[in-house]
Amino acid sequence: MSDNIRYYINEIESINKKLYPISSFEIIGSNIKWNRIVKTKLVPLINDINSDLTVAEKVYSKLLDSINPLSRKNAASNCLKLNIYVEKSIEVLEYISNNEQNANIAFSADMVLKIYRGEMPD
């Protein structure tokens, strides 16, 4: 695995490890902290990864098997956007939406699936 791919995987896992506990929004001020981390760290990283399909395939193939449900959900969501690993992404999102204890992550996975399937009303 190239150093660049390893860097992306490690950075995303590190960010999601920080975000997972506050993704329930139960902590006062966590919404502000969540938005700051996502806007300044995660979004630029994802944009960089998504700009090169070869890199995206390598990074997301590893993140779809992460132990962190937030990493798996985000990887699956990006895979659907890029039309890669579609079947695996759907399986991951279905599992998370049905089994994740963090209700916000489960809800988010369910919404990604509904949008992908065209089940959201206009």
N, C-alpha and C. Protein backbone atom coordinates (compact mmCIF):
# COMPACT_ATOMS: atom_id res chain seq x y z
N MET A 1 0.84 -1.17 0.00
CA MET A 1 0.00 0.00 0.00
C MET A 1 0.90 1.24 0.00
N SER A 2 0.60 2.17 -0.87
CA SER A 2 1.45 3.36 -0.96
C SER A 2 1.28 4.24 0.27
N ASP A 3 2.28 5.05 0.51
CA ASP A 3 2.25 5.95 1.67
C ASP A 3 1.07 6.92 1.59
N ASN A 4 0.74 7.37 0.38
CA ASN A 4 -0.37 8.29 0.19
C ASN A 4 -1.70 7.66 0.60
N ILE A 5 -1.91 6.43 0.18
CA ILE A 5 -3.15 5.70 0.53
C ILE A 5 -3.20 5.48 2.03
N ARG A 6 -2.11 5.03 2.59
CA ARG A 6 -2.03 4.79 4.04
C ARG A 6 -2.32 6.09 4.81
N TYR A 7 -1.77 7.20 4.33
CA TYR A 7 -2.01 8.50 4.96
C TYR A 7 -3.50 8.83 4.99
N TYR A 8 -4.16 8.70 3.83
CA TYR A 8 -5.59 8.99 3.75
C TYR A 8 -6.40 8.12 4.72
N ILE A 9 -6.12 6.84 4.72
CA ILE A 9 -6.85 5.92 5.59
C ILE A 9 -6.63 6.29 7.06
N ASN A 10 -5.39 6.50 7.44
CA ASN A 10 -5.09 6.85 8.84
C ASN A 10 -5.73 8.17 9.25
N GLU A 11 -5.69 9.16 8.37
CA GLU A 11 -6.28 10.46 8.69
C GLU A 11 -7.80 10.36 8.86
N ILE A 12 -8.45 9.66 7.95
CA ILE A 12 -9.90 9.52 8.04
C ILE A 12 -10.29 8.74 9.28
N GLU A 13 -9.57 7.66 9.57
CA GLU A 13 -9.87 6.88 10.77
C GLU A 13 -9.67 7.73 12.03
N SER A 14 -8.63 8.53 12.05
CA SER A 14 -8.34 9.39 13.19
C SER A 14 -9.44 10.43 13.38
N ILE A 15 -9.85 11.06 12.31
CA ILE A 15 -10.91 12.07 12.39
C ILE A 15 -12.22 11.43 12.83
N ASN A 16 -12.58 10.30 12.23
CA ASN A 16 -13.84 9.65 12.58
C ASN A 16 -13.83 9.11 14.01
N LYS A 17 -12.66 8.73 14.50
CA LYS A 17 -12.55 8.28 15.89
C LYS A 17 -12.90 9.44 16.83
N LYS A 18 -12.48 10.65 16.45
CA LYS A 18 -12.82 11.84 17.25
C LYS A 18 -14.29 12.20 17.11
N LEU A 19 -14.83 12.03 15.91
CA LEU A 19 -16.21 12.43 15.65
C LEU A 19 -17.24 11.45 16.21
N TYR A 20 -16.91 10.17 16.26
CA TYR A 20 -17.90 9.16 16.65
C TYR A 20 -18.54 9.45 18.01
N PRO A 21 -17.78 9.75 19.05
CA PRO A 21 -18.43 9.98 20.34
C PRO A 21 -19.33 11.22 20.36
N ILE A 22 -19.03 12.21 19.53
CA ILE A 22 -19.85 13.42 19.55
C ILE A 22 -20.92 13.40 18.47
N SER A 23 -21.01 12.32 17.72
CA SER A 23 -21.99 12.26 16.64
C SER A 23 -23.41 12.10 17.17
N SER A 24 -23.54 11.84 18.47
CA SER A 24 -24.88 11.74 19.04
C SER A 24 -25.43 13.12 19.39
N PHE A 25 -24.59 14.15 19.35
CA PHE A 25 -24.97 15.53 19.65
C PHE A 25 -25.55 15.67 21.06
N GLU A 26 -25.17 14.78 21.96
CA GLU A 26 -25.67 14.87 23.33
C GLU A 26 -24.83 15.81 24.19
N ILE A 27 -23.62 16.08 23.75
CA ILE A 27 -22.75 16.95 24.52
C ILE A 27 -22.99 18.39 24.09
N ILE A 28 -23.17 19.28 25.06
CA ILE A 28 -23.40 20.69 24.73
C ILE A 28 -22.21 21.21 23.95
N GLY A 29 -22.49 21.85 22.85
CA GLY A 29 -21.44 22.41 22.02
C GLY A 29 -20.83 21.42 21.04
N SER A 30 -21.26 20.18 21.10
CA SER A 30 -20.65 19.19 20.20
C SER A 30 -20.98 19.47 18.75
N ASN A 31 -22.14 20.07 18.48
CA ASN A 31 -22.52 20.38 17.12
C ASN A 31 -21.52 21.34 16.48
N ILE A 32 -21.08 22.32 17.25
CA ILE A 32 -20.09 23.28 16.76
C ILE A 32 -18.76 22.57 16.52
N LYS A 33 -18.34 21.75 17.47
CA LYS A 33 -17.09 21.01 17.34
C LYS A 33 -17.15 20.08 16.12
N TRP A 34 -18.25 19.37 15.98
CA TRP A 34 -18.46 18.44 14.85
C TRP A 34 -18.30 19.19 13.53
N ASN A 35 -19.01 20.31 13.39
CA ASN A 35 -18.97 21.08 12.14
C ASN A 35 -17.58 21.61 11.83
N ARG A 36 -16.86 22.05 12.85
CA ARG A 36 -15.52 22.58 12.64
C ARG A 36 -14.58 21.48 12.14
N ILE A 37 -14.64 20.31 12.75
CA ILE A 37 -13.78 19.19 12.35
C ILE A 37 -14.12 18.74 10.93
N VAL A 38 -15.41 18.61 10.65
CA VAL A 38 -15.84 18.16 9.33
C VAL A 38 -15.42 19.16 8.26
N LYS A 39 -15.67 20.45 8.50
CA LYS A 39 -15.39 21.47 7.50
C LYS A 39 -13.89 21.66 7.26
N THR A 40 -13.10 21.66 8.31
CA THR A 40 -11.69 21.98 8.16
C THR A 40 -10.81 20.77 7.86
N LYS A 41 -11.23 19.60 8.27
CA LYS A 41 -10.36 18.42 8.11
C LYS A 41 -10.94 17.36 7.19
N LEU A 42 -12.16 16.94 7.45
CA LEU A 42 -12.71 15.79 6.72
C LEU A 42 -13.08 16.14 5.28
N VAL A 43 -13.79 17.22 5.07
CA VAL A 43 -14.25 17.56 3.72
C VAL A 43 -13.08 17.75 2.75
N PRO A 44 -12.04 18.52 3.10
CA PRO A 44 -10.91 18.65 2.16
C PRO A 44 -10.24 17.31 1.85
N LEU A 45 -10.14 16.45 2.85
CA LEU A 45 -9.54 15.13 2.66
C LEU A 45 -10.39 14.29 1.69
N ILE A 46 -11.69 14.27 1.90
CA ILE A 46 -12.61 13.51 1.04
C ILE A 46 -12.58 14.07 -0.39
N ASN A 47 -12.57 15.38 -0.53
CA ASN A 47 -12.51 15.99 -1.86
C ASN A 47 -11.24 15.59 -2.59
N ASP A 48 -10.14 15.55 -1.87
CA ASP A 48 -8.87 15.15 -2.46
C ASP A 48 -8.92 13.69 -2.90
N ILE A 49 -9.44 12.83 -2.05
CA ILE A 49 -9.56 11.40 -2.37
C ILE A 49 -10.47 11.21 -3.58
N ASN A 50 -11.62 11.85 -3.57
CA ASN A 50 -12.61 11.67 -4.62
C ASN A 50 -12.17 12.22 -5.97
N SER A 51 -11.15 13.05 -5.98
CA SER A 51 -10.67 13.62 -7.24
C SER A 51 -9.87 12.62 -8.07
N ASP A 52 -9.49 11.50 -7.47
CA ASP A 52 -8.72 10.47 -8.18
C ASP A 52 -9.39 9.12 -7.92
N LEU A 53 -10.08 8.60 -8.91
CA LEU A 53 -10.86 7.37 -8.73
C LEU A 53 -9.99 6.19 -8.29
N THR A 54 -8.78 6.09 -8.78
CA THR A 54 -7.88 5.00 -8.38
C THR A 54 -7.57 5.09 -6.89
N VAL A 55 -7.29 6.28 -6.42
CA VAL A 55 -7.03 6.49 -4.99
C VAL A 55 -8.29 6.19 -4.19
N ALA A 56 -9.42 6.70 -4.65
CA ALA A 56 -10.69 6.47 -3.95
C ALA A 56 -10.99 4.98 -3.81
N GLU A 57 -10.78 4.22 -4.86
CA GLU A 57 -11.04 2.78 -4.80
C GLU A 57 -10.17 2.11 -3.74
N LYS A 58 -8.91 2.49 -3.67
CA LYS A 58 -8.00 1.88 -2.70
C LYS A 58 -8.34 2.29 -1.27
N VAL A 59 -8.63 3.56 -1.07
CA VAL A 59 -8.93 4.06 0.27
C VAL A 59 -10.26 3.48 0.76
N TYR A 60 -11.30 3.60 -0.05
CA TYR A 60 -12.62 3.16 0.39
C TYR A 60 -12.73 1.65 0.53
N SER A 61 -11.96 0.90 -0.25
CA SER A 61 -12.00 -0.56 -0.09
C SER A 61 -11.56 -0.95 1.32
N LYS A 62 -10.62 -0.21 1.87
CA LYS A 62 -10.16 -0.48 3.25
C LYS A 62 -11.14 0.06 4.28
N LEU A 63 -11.66 1.27 4.04
CA LEU A 63 -12.55 1.89 5.03
C LEU A 63 -13.90 1.20 5.12
N LEU A 64 -14.33 0.53 4.06
CA LEU A 64 -15.60 -0.21 4.13
C LEU A 64 -15.53 -1.34 5.15
N ASP A 65 -14.32 -1.76 5.51
CA ASP A 65 -14.14 -2.82 6.50
C ASP A 65 -13.65 -2.29 7.85
N SER A 66 -13.69 -0.99 8.04
CA SER A 66 -13.23 -0.38 9.29
C SER A 66 -14.08 -0.86 10.48
N ILE A 67 -13.49 -0.82 11.66
CA ILE A 67 -14.27 -1.15 12.86
C ILE A 67 -15.13 0.04 13.29
N ASN A 68 -14.81 1.23 12.79
CA ASN A 68 -15.55 2.44 13.14
C ASN A 68 -16.76 2.58 12.22
N PRO A 69 -17.97 2.52 12.77
CA PRO A 69 -19.16 2.61 11.93
C PRO A 69 -19.28 3.92 11.16
N LEU A 70 -18.74 5.00 11.72
CA LEU A 70 -18.78 6.28 11.02
C LEU A 70 -17.86 6.24 9.79
N SER A 71 -16.71 5.62 9.92
CA SER A 71 -15.81 5.45 8.76
C SER A 71 -16.47 4.60 7.69
N ARG A 72 -17.11 3.51 8.11
CA ARG A 72 -17.78 2.63 7.14
C ARG A 72 -18.93 3.36 6.44
N LYS A 73 -19.73 4.09 7.22
CA LYS A 73 -20.87 4.81 6.63
C LYS A 73 -20.40 5.86 5.65
N ASN A 74 -19.41 6.64 6.04
CA ASN A 74 -18.91 7.68 5.14
C ASN A 74 -18.26 7.10 3.89
N ALA A 75 -17.52 6.01 4.04
CA ALA A 75 -16.91 5.36 2.88
C ALA A 75 -17.99 4.84 1.94
N ALA A 76 -19.00 4.20 2.49
CA ALA A 76 -20.09 3.65 1.67
C ALA A 76 -20.83 4.76 0.94
N SER A 77 -21.06 5.86 1.62
CA SER A 77 -21.75 7.00 1.01
C SER A 77 -20.94 7.55 -0.16
N ASN A 78 -19.65 7.70 0.03
CA ASN A 78 -18.79 8.19 -1.05
C ASN A 78 -18.68 7.19 -2.19
N CYS A 79 -18.67 5.92 -1.87
CA CYS A 79 -18.62 4.90 -2.92
C CYS A 79 -19.86 4.97 -3.81
N LEU A 80 -21.02 5.16 -3.20
CA LEU A 80 -22.24 5.28 -4.00
C LEU A 80 -22.18 6.51 -4.88
N LYS A 81 -21.65 7.60 -4.34
CA LYS A 81 -21.52 8.83 -5.12
C LYS A 81 -20.60 8.62 -6.32
N LEU A 82 -19.55 7.82 -6.13
CA LEU A 82 -18.57 7.57 -7.19
C LEU A 82 -18.91 6.34 -8.04
N ASN A 83 -19.96 5.63 -7.66
CA ASN A 83 -20.39 4.42 -8.35
C ASN A 83 -19.32 3.33 -8.32
N ILE A 84 -18.72 3.14 -7.14
CA ILE A 84 -17.75 2.06 -6.94
C ILE A 84 -18.20 1.24 -5.73
N TYR A 85 -17.87 -0.03 -5.72
CA TYR A 85 -18.23 -0.93 -4.61
C TYR A 85 -19.69 -0.76 -4.19
N VAL A 86 -20.56 -0.68 -5.16
CA VAL A 86 -21.97 -0.37 -4.90
C VAL A 86 -22.64 -1.44 -4.02
N GLU A 87 -22.50 -2.71 -4.39
CA GLU A 87 -23.15 -3.77 -3.61
C GLU A 87 -22.65 -3.80 -2.17
N LYS A 88 -21.35 -3.75 -2.00
CA LYS A 88 -20.76 -3.76 -0.66
C LYS A 88 -21.22 -2.53 0.12
N SER A 89 -21.28 -1.39 -0.52
CA SER A 89 -21.71 -0.15 0.15
C SER A 89 -23.14 -0.26 0.63
N ILE A 90 -24.01 -0.81 -0.20
CA ILE A 90 -25.41 -0.99 0.20
C ILE A 90 -25.49 -1.93 1.39
N GLU A 91 -24.74 -3.03 1.36
CA GLU A 91 -24.72 -3.97 2.49
C GLU A 91 -24.26 -3.27 3.77
N VAL A 92 -23.20 -2.49 3.67
CA VAL A 92 -22.66 -1.78 4.83
C VAL A 92 -23.71 -0.81 5.38
N LEU A 93 -24.32 -0.03 4.51
CA LEU A 93 -25.31 0.95 4.96
C LEU A 93 -26.55 0.27 5.56
N GLU A 94 -27.00 -0.83 4.95
CA GLU A 94 -28.14 -1.56 5.51
C GLU A 94 -27.81 -2.10 6.90
N TYR A 95 -26.62 -2.65 7.05
CA TYR A 95 -26.21 -3.18 8.36
C TYR A 95 -26.17 -2.06 9.40
N ILE A 96 -25.55 -0.95 9.05
CA ILE A 96 -25.44 0.16 10.00
C ILE A 96 -26.82 0.72 10.33
N SER A 97 -27.67 0.89 9.34
CA SER A 97 -29.00 1.46 9.60
C SER A 97 -29.84 0.55 10.49
N ASN A 98 -29.58 -0.74 10.47
CA ASN A 98 -30.36 -1.69 11.28
C ASN A 98 -29.71 -2.06 12.61
N ASN A 99 -28.40 -1.86 12.74
CA ASN A 99 -27.70 -2.39 13.91
C ASN A 99 -26.89 -1.38 14.72
N GLU A 100 -26.64 -0.21 14.20
CA GLU A 100 -25.80 0.76 14.89
C GLU A 100 -26.53 1.33 16.11
N GLN A 101 -25.84 1.33 17.25
CA GLN A 101 -26.44 1.84 18.49
C GLN A 101 -26.54 3.36 18.49
N ASN A 102 -25.66 4.03 17.79
CA ASN A 102 -25.71 5.48 17.70
C ASN A 102 -26.82 5.82 16.71
N ALA A 103 -27.92 6.34 17.21
CA ALA A 103 -29.10 6.59 16.39
C ALA A 103 -28.85 7.55 15.24
N ASN A 104 -28.00 8.55 15.44
CA ASN A 104 -27.73 9.52 14.37
C ASN A 104 -26.98 8.88 13.21
N ILE A 105 -26.05 8.00 13.52
CA ILE A 105 -25.31 7.32 12.45
C ILE A 105 -26.22 6.34 11.73
N ALA A 106 -27.05 5.62 12.48
CA ALA A 106 -28.00 4.68 11.86
C ALA A 106 -28.98 5.43 10.97
N PHE A 107 -29.50 6.56 11.45
CA PHE A 107 -30.43 7.37 10.67
C PHE A 107 -29.76 7.90 9.40
N SER A 108 -28.54 8.38 9.53
CA SER A 108 -27.80 8.90 8.39
C SER A 108 -27.59 7.81 7.33
N ALA A 109 -27.23 6.61 7.76
CA ALA A 109 -27.04 5.49 6.83
C ALA A 109 -28.35 5.18 6.11
N ASP A 110 -29.45 5.20 6.85
CA ASP A 110 -30.77 4.94 6.26
C ASP A 110 -31.12 6.01 5.23
N MET A 111 -30.83 7.27 5.55
CA MET A 111 -31.13 8.36 4.61
C MET A 111 -30.28 8.26 3.34
N VAL A 112 -29.01 7.89 3.48
CA VAL A 112 -28.16 7.71 2.30
C VAL A 112 -28.77 6.64 1.39
N LEU A 113 -29.21 5.54 1.98
CA LEU A 113 -29.84 4.47 1.19
C LEU A 113 -31.11 4.95 0.50
N LYS A 114 -31.94 5.67 1.23
CA LYS A 114 -33.20 6.15 0.64
C LYS A 114 -32.94 7.12 -0.50
N ILE A 115 -31.98 7.99 -0.33
CA ILE A 115 -31.64 8.93 -1.41
C ILE A 115 -31.09 8.17 -2.60
N TYR A 116 -30.21 7.22 -2.36
CA TYR A 116 -29.62 6.44 -3.45
C TYR A 116 -30.69 5.67 -4.21
N ARG A 117 -31.66 5.13 -3.48
CA ARG A 117 -32.71 4.34 -4.11
C ARG A 117 -33.83 5.18 -4.69
N GLY A 118 -33.77 6.48 -4.49
CA GLY A 118 -34.83 7.37 -5.00
C GLY A 118 -36.10 7.29 -4.20
N GLU A 119 -36.01 6.94 -2.92
CA GLU A 119 -37.18 6.77 -2.08
C GLU A 119 -37.57 8.03 -1.30
N MET A 120 -36.81 9.11 -1.48
CA MET A 120 -37.13 10.34 -0.77
C MET A 120 -38.13 11.13 -1.58
N PRO A 121 -39.20 11.61 -0.92
CA PRO A 121 -40.19 12.41 -1.66
C PRO A 121 -39.60 13.77 -2.07
N ASP A 122 -40.13 14.31 -3.15
CA ASP A 122 -39.68 15.63 -3.62
C ASP A 122 -40.25 16.73 -2.76
